[in-house]
Structure formats: structure tokens, C-alpha cells
Amino acid sequence: MKEICIGCGATIQTTHPKEPGYIHPKVYEARKDDFYCERCYVLQHYNKNIPFPSDPLAFQESMKEVKQGRGLVVLMTSLFDLEGTLIPNIHQWVGKKDVLVVVNKFDLMMKSVNKNKVHQSIRKLIKASGINAIDVLVISSFYENDVKTFIDVMNTMRKGKNVYFIGMTNVGKSTLVNQIIHHYTQEEALITVSNTINTTLGNIHIPLDDESNLVDTPGCMNDESIIQYLSKEHLEVITPNRFIRPKTYQLNSLQTLFVQGIIRIDFLEGTKFSAITYFKNDLLIHRTKLENATEFYLEHQDDLLKIPDAEERLQLGSLIHLDRIIHENEKIDVVIPGLGFLTIAGAGQIRVHTFRKIKVKFREALL
């Protein structure tokens, strides 16, 4: 049996219901053409996940085909999680192929945001990460004009060869691939799309012409991102699905800002600070006095703050903190992989509390 699920790329099998690619034998006998495995069917029709243990070797196995093949590599990243979705060592996996970096999810930005300025900042960040990109596109996979622009660039750059889509989990690879398929065939959502991690389990090949394919690869796991440790229900709470309205907070020293129970920022000393948050609109953001912050967290970590829950906190490890001095006229972003970021301006010292496995980063303000 060599058929693969057209939704996730897993090899179809009829004997092990708790393993990838399972399809009931009667369903298999009734269908002899295209197959969706049971997991994809449940995700697509009931928005429920059949979880499988993460396979750290899946990405490595999928990259063997990419490294040995000929063509263009499209590295998909997310505008709201750049540091968490870039793969700095991508050339180790794909060799000397041309790499086109596509920064997705611009639709989450308000219309007042200058796309050209964002594009310039992103180019600097990508260059600093060590990725040698042939070009950088900032798009939304939900905007028809952006998809058409991408297709034109892709076809010019691939020179009749394969196109390999690579990226971290949940950056929107499969969504863009589905949009490309729809552009050419009018077919709707052939590949399974979900905010569940590990949705794509094996390489999926879509013919571009008689000689080449578009290849959607499994998402690379980022153990430093919050999304690796949250349930599907909690992922739905924190993942933006419409444009983000930035919220501005004016803070004095000795005040604290919580974002759910995922991150806490103490404003220790200095002049008045401003903090602009770029998270899902209805995410809980709570301001309190620094002297009350620890007691507030311990009292409300399982109700008001609620994410992560007790089981998720065990996976995330102990709480740690990072200190950062902000200088006069400086604006920095505090980036939480998988969640979003907030921009802080002021002059003084802040302390960021989060879990050991989440790699919080500081950068020059993107916006």
C-alpha cells in the first residue's frame, strides 16, 4: 500500500488506528482514488484533533528529498512570530538552492501600517539571521493579489524546477499551497489546514507541469515556541484569526503587565513607559502593582490567567526572568515566540518573566 493522504502526506494504512495515515478498511475498499486519513477527516469536518506524538525525525526525513532535488526553496515565516519561525540554519538542510523568504499574515496588520517600512525592517532582520535570501516577500495568503504576486515570482524563480515549501509549524504553508491550487484549478482546500501542530506529516506533491512539482513539507518544530506546549483549545485562544488592534498602556515604574499567564513584564525603574501590544484582540492583558504581582499570579494562574494550565506549565519548565535596560529615545520589541510581541518605549529597566522553554527575544522595534 503506497497511497498517501492528500491532506497531510502520511502513508495510508488500515491496521493501526492510533498511528498516522489510518483509514478504516471498509473506507479504503470503497475508495480507490484519493484518500483522506481519519485524522484529516475529523479535523476538516469536526475541527477535532487526533493527537500523535511529535516525531523530531519527520522534518529531517522530508529534507532529504529537498536537499537531493533541484528547485526553489520557499521559506514561509509569520509576521507576528519572525524570530520563532525563521530557520537560521536552513542552508544546512537545503544546500545551495535559492531561498525565497515569504513573510505571511500581513492581513493581521491594520491598514494604517506601512507595508514598505515593515518590509525594510524584515529584510534587515533576515540578513542578520544568516539566511542568504534571493528575495523577501511580505504577503497574506488570504489576499488574492498577494497570492497572484507570489505565483508570478515563484514561476520566474523556479525556472521550470520544483518548489519546496518549508517552514515552522503554523506559519500558513498549507494555506498558501491551497490558494495556489485554487488559483489554477478552482479546487477548495485539498490540503488539511489546522492550528494543530504537525498537521502535515509527510511531503505532499502537487504537479506544476509535466516536469516539476510543488512540494509541501511537514512543519519544523520549534521547542522555544509556546505553541509546542499548548492544547488545541488553548492554541485557538491565542492564535489571531482577524486583524490585530494594537493596545497602548501607559505604565509607571513599579507596575506589572501580564499577558495571560504566559508572560509577565515588570517595569522596575525609570521614567514613564508606554507599551503597545500586538496579540490576539481578546487575549487577557492585566495591569497591576509590582508589589501585588506574585500574589496575583499564584491566586489566578488557574482561573483568570488560565493559559497555560497546570499540565502545560509542567512541560514548560520553571519560571525564569530576563532584565533589559531601555535607553532614552529607544523603542524595543519584546518577542514571545508563538504569541506575538509588544513594543516598549521609555527609559529605565524592565524584567520579563516567562517559562524556561520559551525563548523570549529583544529586538529593535519592527513598526
Protein backbone atom coordinates (compact mmCIF):
# COMPACT_ATOMS: atom_id res chain seq x y z
CA MET A 1 0.00 0.00 0.00
CA LYS A 2 1.77 3.15 -1.20
CA GLU A 3 -1.07 5.68 -1.28
CA ILE A 4 -0.65 8.82 0.81
CA CYS A 5 -3.25 11.02 2.46
CA ILE A 6 -3.75 14.05 0.22
CA GLY A 7 -4.50 16.14 3.32
CA CYS A 8 -1.38 15.55 5.42
CA GLY A 9 1.01 13.41 3.36
CA ALA A 10 1.00 10.41 5.72
CA THR A 11 1.20 6.95 4.15
CA ILE A 12 -2.25 5.33 4.16
CA GLN A 13 -2.60 2.24 6.36
CA THR A 14 -5.59 0.23 7.65
CA THR A 15 -4.22 -1.64 10.65
CA HIS A 16 -3.18 0.84 13.37
CA PRO A 17 -5.94 3.36 14.28
CA LYS A 18 -3.69 5.32 16.66
CA GLU A 19 -0.93 5.89 14.11
CA PRO A 20 -0.65 8.41 11.24
CA GLY A 21 -2.37 7.62 7.94
CA TYR A 22 -5.05 5.31 9.34
CA ILE A 23 -8.18 4.74 7.26
CA HIS A 24 -10.89 2.18 8.04
CA PRO A 25 -10.54 -0.92 5.83
CA LYS A 26 -14.12 -0.59 4.53
CA VAL A 27 -13.49 3.03 3.57
CA TYR A 28 -10.29 2.00 1.84
CA GLU A 29 -12.07 -0.70 -0.13
CA ALA A 30 -14.83 1.71 -1.16
CA ARG A 31 -12.39 4.35 -2.47
CA LYS A 32 -9.57 3.64 -4.86
CA ASP A 33 -8.57 7.16 -5.88
CA ASP A 34 -7.79 9.99 -3.44
CA PHE A 35 -7.67 9.38 0.31
CA TYR A 36 -8.03 11.48 3.44
CA CYS A 37 -6.88 9.71 6.57
CA GLU A 38 -9.20 9.55 9.55
CA ARG A 39 -7.33 12.33 11.36
CA CYS A 40 -7.66 14.75 8.42
CA TYR A 41 -11.34 13.88 8.01
CA VAL A 42 -12.07 14.62 11.68
CA LEU A 43 -10.05 17.86 11.56
CA GLN A 44 -11.78 19.09 8.41
CA HIS A 45 -15.35 18.14 9.31
CA TYR A 46 -15.43 18.35 13.13
CA ASN A 47 -12.41 20.56 13.97
CA LYS A 48 -11.21 17.85 16.36
CA ASN A 49 -7.68 16.58 16.56
CA ILE A 50 -6.44 13.01 16.89
CA PRO A 51 -3.07 13.77 18.51
CA PHE A 52 0.08 11.89 17.55
CA PRO A 53 3.39 12.08 19.42
CA SER A 54 5.77 14.58 17.83
CA ASP A 55 8.30 12.95 15.55
CA PRO A 56 11.52 15.00 15.61
CA LEU A 57 12.86 12.98 12.67
CA ALA A 58 9.96 13.82 10.31
CA PHE A 59 11.43 17.18 9.30
CA GLN A 60 14.87 15.64 8.75
CA GLU A 61 13.41 12.88 6.57
CA SER A 62 11.42 15.33 4.46
CA MET A 63 14.53 17.48 3.98
CA LYS A 64 16.45 14.60 2.39
CA GLU A 65 14.26 14.87 -0.72
CA VAL A 66 14.66 18.66 -0.72
CA LYS A 67 18.43 18.56 -0.42
CA GLN A 68 18.79 15.94 -3.16
CA GLY A 69 16.28 17.59 -5.52
CA ARG A 70 16.57 20.58 -7.83
CA GLY A 71 14.48 23.70 -7.49
CA LEU A 72 13.45 26.73 -5.47
CA VAL A 73 13.02 26.71 -1.69
CA VAL A 74 10.22 28.86 -0.25
CA LEU A 75 10.81 29.53 3.45
CA MET A 76 7.48 30.52 5.00
CA THR A 77 7.54 32.67 8.14
CA SER A 78 4.96 34.58 10.17
CA LEU A 79 4.98 38.36 10.54
CA PHE A 80 3.90 38.08 14.17
CA ASP A 81 6.46 35.44 15.03
CA LEU A 82 9.51 36.22 12.88
CA GLU A 83 12.19 35.06 15.30
CA GLY A 84 10.16 31.98 16.16
CA THR A 85 9.56 30.96 12.53
CA LEU A 86 12.85 31.71 10.81
CA ILE A 87 15.13 28.70 10.33
CA PRO A 88 18.61 30.27 10.61
CA ASN A 89 20.42 27.08 9.59
CA ILE A 90 18.16 26.41 6.60
CA HIS A 91 21.11 26.15 4.19
CA GLN A 92 22.27 23.11 6.17
CA TRP A 93 19.03 21.39 5.17
CA VAL A 94 18.55 22.59 1.60
CA GLY A 95 22.10 23.02 0.34
CA LYS A 96 22.92 25.80 -2.12
CA LYS A 97 19.41 26.21 -3.54
CA ASP A 98 17.87 29.65 -3.97
CA VAL A 99 15.75 30.57 -0.93
CA LEU A 100 12.75 32.88 -1.27
CA VAL A 101 11.58 34.09 2.15
CA VAL A 102 7.82 34.66 2.37
CA VAL A 103 6.60 36.56 5.43
CA ASN A 104 2.95 35.61 5.82
CA LYS A 105 -0.01 37.00 7.79
CA PHE A 106 0.18 40.66 6.80
CA ASP A 107 -3.64 40.56 6.90
CA LEU A 108 -3.35 40.70 10.70
CA MET A 109 -1.91 44.22 10.45
CA MET A 110 -4.19 47.25 10.49
CA LYS A 111 -4.50 49.05 7.14
CA SER A 112 -2.62 52.07 8.51
CA VAL A 113 0.62 50.06 8.75
CA ASN A 114 3.13 50.99 6.03
CA LYS A 115 3.98 47.73 4.25
CA ASN A 116 7.18 49.11 2.70
CA LYS A 117 8.61 50.13 6.08
CA VAL A 118 7.77 46.73 7.53
CA HIS A 119 9.42 45.11 4.51
CA GLN A 120 12.65 47.07 5.03
CA SER A 121 12.83 46.15 8.73
CA ILE A 122 12.23 42.49 7.94
CA ARG A 123 14.99 42.43 5.30
CA LYS A 124 17.48 43.68 7.91
CA LEU A 125 16.33 41.09 10.43
CA ILE A 126 16.55 38.22 7.93
CA LYS A 127 20.03 39.27 6.80
CA ALA A 128 21.17 39.43 10.44
CA SER A 129 19.84 35.89 11.00
CA GLY A 130 22.34 34.49 8.49
CA ILE A 131 19.79 33.48 5.85
CA ASN A 132 21.02 34.20 2.33
CA ALA A 133 17.67 35.02 0.68
CA ILE A 134 17.30 35.64 -3.05
CA ASP A 135 14.29 37.83 -2.22
CA VAL A 136 11.79 38.61 0.56
CA LEU A 137 8.01 38.92 0.07
CA VAL A 138 5.57 40.21 2.68
CA ILE A 139 2.11 38.82 1.93
CA SER A 140 -1.17 37.50 3.21
CA SER A 141 -2.14 34.09 1.91
CA PHE A 142 -5.77 35.28 2.13
CA TYR A 143 -5.26 38.25 -0.23
CA GLU A 144 -5.85 37.26 -3.86
CA ASN A 145 -3.48 39.90 -5.25
CA ASP A 146 -0.72 38.79 -2.87
CA VAL A 147 -1.18 35.17 -3.96
CA LYS A 148 -1.01 36.17 -7.64
CA THR A 149 2.15 38.20 -6.98
CA PHE A 150 3.72 35.25 -5.20
CA ILE A 151 2.81 32.87 -8.05
CA ASP A 152 4.43 35.21 -10.60
CA VAL A 153 7.63 35.48 -8.54
CA MET A 154 7.65 31.73 -7.87
CA ASN A 155 7.31 30.81 -11.54
CA THR A 156 10.06 33.24 -12.54
CA MET A 157 12.48 31.99 -9.89
CA ARG A 158 11.88 28.25 -10.13
CA LYS A 159 13.00 28.12 -13.80
CA GLY A 160 10.84 25.09 -14.56
CA LYS A 161 12.03 23.14 -11.49
CA ASN A 162 10.37 22.01 -8.26
CA VAL A 163 9.24 24.38 -5.49
CA TYR A 164 9.75 23.18 -1.91
CA PHE A 165 7.67 24.84 0.83
CA ILE A 166 9.48 24.79 4.16
CA GLY A 167 8.63 26.40 7.48
CA MET A 168 7.87 26.07 11.15
CA THR A 169 4.55 24.69 12.31
CA ASN A 170 1.53 27.02 11.91
CA VAL A 171 3.07 29.64 9.58
CA GLY A 172 0.47 29.03 6.86
CA LYS A 173 2.39 26.87 4.36
CA SER A 174 -0.54 24.62 3.58
CA THR A 175 -2.94 27.58 3.38
CA LEU A 176 -0.80 29.22 0.69
CA VAL A 177 -0.41 25.91 -1.17
CA ASN A 178 -4.20 25.52 -1.15
CA GLN A 179 -4.55 29.05 -2.54
CA ILE A 180 -2.13 28.21 -5.35
CA ILE A 181 -4.09 25.04 -6.16
CA HIS A 182 -7.32 27.07 -6.16
CA HIS A 183 -5.77 29.68 -8.46
CA TYR A 184 -5.05 27.05 -11.10
CA THR A 185 -7.89 24.54 -10.61
CA GLN A 186 -10.66 26.23 -8.53
CA GLU A 187 -10.41 23.26 -6.13
CA GLU A 188 -11.07 24.18 -2.49
CA ALA A 189 -8.73 23.28 0.43
CA LEU A 190 -7.32 19.94 -0.69
CA ILE A 191 -4.58 20.01 1.95
CA THR A 192 -5.67 19.86 5.58
CA VAL A 193 -5.24 23.18 7.41
CA SER A 194 -5.46 23.49 11.19
CA ASN A 195 -3.88 25.39 14.06
CA THR A 196 -2.91 21.96 15.40
CA ILE A 197 0.83 21.35 15.31
CA ASN A 198 2.07 18.58 13.00
CA THR A 199 -0.89 18.85 10.63
CA THR A 200 1.31 17.96 7.63
CA LEU A 201 3.05 14.65 8.35
CA GLY A 202 4.81 13.86 5.07
CA ASN A 203 5.83 15.53 1.82
CA ILE A 204 2.81 16.30 -0.38
CA HIS A 205 3.46 16.60 -4.12
CA ILE A 206 1.27 18.77 -6.37
CA PRO A 207 2.13 18.76 -10.10
CA LEU A 208 3.07 22.17 -11.52
CA ASP A 209 3.68 20.82 -15.02
CA ASP A 210 4.90 17.63 -16.68
CA GLU A 211 8.40 18.07 -15.28
CA SER A 212 8.04 19.57 -11.79
CA ASN A 213 6.08 19.59 -8.54
CA LEU A 214 5.15 21.89 -5.71
CA VAL A 215 6.15 20.06 -2.51
CA ASP A 216 4.54 20.91 0.84
CA THR A 217 6.77 19.60 3.64
CA PRO A 218 5.98 18.89 7.32
CA GLY A 219 6.37 21.84 9.65
CA CYS A 220 9.62 22.13 11.55
CA MET A 221 9.19 22.03 15.33
CA ASN A 222 10.38 24.99 17.41
CA ASP A 223 10.84 23.86 21.00
CA GLU A 224 11.32 27.50 22.05
CA SER A 225 7.78 28.48 20.98
CA ILE A 226 4.73 28.47 23.26
CA ILE A 227 2.63 26.69 20.62
CA GLN A 228 4.56 23.45 21.11
CA TYR A 229 3.21 23.14 24.64
CA LEU A 230 -0.44 24.22 24.40
CA SER A 231 -3.57 22.17 23.74
CA LYS A 232 -5.60 22.71 20.58
CA GLU A 233 -8.21 24.59 22.63
CA HIS A 234 -5.61 26.97 24.05
CA LEU A 235 -4.00 27.45 20.64
CA GLU A 236 -7.37 28.67 19.37
CA VAL A 237 -7.47 31.20 22.23
CA ILE A 238 -4.06 32.73 21.47
CA THR A 239 -3.90 32.45 17.64
CA PRO A 240 -5.14 35.59 15.78
CA ASN A 241 -7.71 34.96 13.04
CA ARG A 242 -8.51 38.59 12.16
CA PHE A 243 -6.57 41.86 12.11
CA ILE A 244 -4.99 42.84 15.39
CA ARG A 245 -5.89 46.09 17.11
CA PRO A 246 -2.78 47.30 18.96
CA LYS A 247 -3.46 48.31 22.56
CA THR A 248 -1.44 51.02 24.29
CA TYR A 249 -0.67 51.03 28.01
CA GLN A 250 0.99 53.86 29.92
CA LEU A 251 3.00 52.46 32.80
CA ASN A 252 4.99 53.91 35.66
CA SER A 253 7.85 52.21 37.42
CA LEU A 254 6.83 49.53 39.92
CA GLN A 255 3.93 48.38 37.76
CA THR A 256 3.47 44.97 36.09
CA LEU A 257 1.78 43.79 32.90
CA PHE A 258 0.53 40.20 32.48
CA VAL A 259 -0.34 38.61 29.12
CA GLN A 260 -2.49 35.65 30.18
CA GLY A 261 -0.21 33.56 32.38
CA ILE A 262 2.38 33.25 29.62
CA ILE A 263 4.46 36.35 30.24
CA ARG A 264 4.83 38.98 32.94
CA ILE A 265 6.73 42.26 32.49
CA ASP A 266 7.82 44.30 35.50
CA PHE A 267 8.66 47.97 34.98
CA LEU A 268 11.28 48.26 37.68
CA GLU A 269 12.62 51.80 37.50
CA GLY A 270 12.81 54.77 35.16
CA THR A 271 10.58 57.34 33.55
CA LYS A 272 7.07 56.68 32.32
CA PHE A 273 6.89 53.78 29.83
CA SER A 274 4.49 53.08 27.00
CA ALA A 275 3.75 49.53 25.89
CA ILE A 276 1.92 48.71 22.65
CA THR A 277 0.71 45.12 22.47
CA TYR A 278 0.36 43.04 19.29
CA PHE A 279 -1.54 39.94 20.38
CA LYS A 280 -4.91 38.39 19.56
CA ASN A 281 -7.51 41.04 20.36
CA ASP A 282 -9.35 39.25 23.16
CA LEU A 283 -6.25 37.90 24.89
CA LEU A 284 -6.22 38.82 28.58
CA ILE A 285 -3.80 41.67 29.38
CA HIS A 286 -3.81 42.71 33.02
CA ARG A 287 -2.01 45.61 34.71
CA THR A 288 -1.28 45.63 38.44
CA LYS A 289 1.19 46.96 41.01
CA LEU A 290 4.54 45.21 41.14
CA GLU A 291 4.16 44.58 44.88
CA ASN A 292 0.98 42.57 44.19
CA ALA A 293 2.16 40.74 41.04
CA THR A 294 3.45 37.48 42.53
CA GLU A 295 0.43 37.05 44.79
CA PHE A 296 -1.90 37.85 41.86
CA TYR A 297 -0.22 35.23 39.67
CA LEU A 298 -0.35 32.48 42.31
CA GLU A 299 -4.00 33.24 43.06
CA HIS A 300 -5.21 33.47 39.44
CA GLN A 301 -2.93 31.22 37.37
CA ASP A 302 -5.71 28.63 37.03
CA ASP A 303 -8.75 30.89 36.50
CA LEU A 304 -8.30 34.47 35.24
CA LEU A 305 -4.88 33.93 33.64
CA LYS A 306 -5.65 30.24 32.84
CA ILE A 307 -3.14 29.78 29.96
CA PRO A 308 -1.00 27.76 30.37
CA ASP A 309 -2.82 25.30 32.61
CA ALA A 310 -1.14 23.14 35.25
CA GLU A 311 -0.26 20.31 32.85
CA GLU A 312 1.16 22.73 30.28
CA ARG A 313 3.20 24.52 32.95
CA LEU A 314 4.88 21.24 33.84
CA GLN A 315 6.02 20.85 30.23
CA LEU A 316 7.18 24.48 30.01
CA GLY A 317 9.51 24.19 32.99
CA SER A 318 10.31 26.61 35.79
CA LEU A 319 9.78 30.37 35.69
CA ILE A 320 12.81 32.49 34.77
CA HIS A 321 13.37 36.20 34.18
CA LEU A 322 15.39 38.43 31.83
CA ASP A 323 16.38 42.02 32.56
CA ARG A 324 16.70 44.73 29.91
CA ILE A 325 17.77 48.36 30.11
CA ILE A 326 15.86 50.69 27.76
CA HIS A 327 17.70 53.88 26.87
CA GLU A 328 16.33 57.33 26.17
CA ASN A 329 14.56 57.52 22.76
CA GLU A 330 14.88 53.74 22.29
CA LYS A 331 11.98 51.53 21.21
CA ILE A 332 12.30 47.78 21.59
CA ASP A 333 10.09 44.80 20.87
CA VAL A 334 9.70 42.02 23.40
CA VAL A 335 9.03 38.97 21.22
CA ILE A 336 7.30 35.87 22.60
CA PRO A 337 7.60 33.04 20.03
CA GLY A 338 4.18 31.71 19.06
CA LEU A 339 2.27 34.51 20.81
CA GLY A 340 3.21 37.90 19.34
CA PHE A 341 5.15 40.90 20.58
CA LEU A 342 4.88 44.21 22.38
CA THR A 343 6.75 47.44 21.71
CA ILE A 344 8.13 49.32 24.72
CA ALA A 345 9.40 52.90 24.78
CA GLY A 346 10.74 54.82 27.74
CA ALA A 347 13.93 54.95 29.74
CA GLY A 348 14.72 52.55 32.54
CA GLN A 349 14.81 48.85 33.43
CA ILE A 350 12.27 46.12 32.73
CA ARG A 351 12.19 42.49 33.86
CA VAL A 352 10.47 39.84 31.73
CA HIS A 353 9.22 36.68 33.45
CA THR A 354 8.26 33.57 31.48
CA PHE A 355 8.90 29.84 31.35
CA ARG A 356 12.30 28.28 30.83
CA LYS A 357 11.45 26.65 27.50
CA ILE A 358 10.13 29.86 25.88
CA LYS A 359 12.93 31.85 24.24
CA VAL A 360 11.90 35.50 24.69
CA LYS A 361 13.91 37.88 22.50
CA PHE A 362 14.51 41.62 22.32
CA ARG A 363 14.90 43.49 19.03
CA GLU A 364 14.77 46.97 17.57
CA ALA A 365 11.09 47.89 17.15
CA LEU A 366 9.69 46.45 13.92
CA LEU A 367 6.95 49.09 13.50
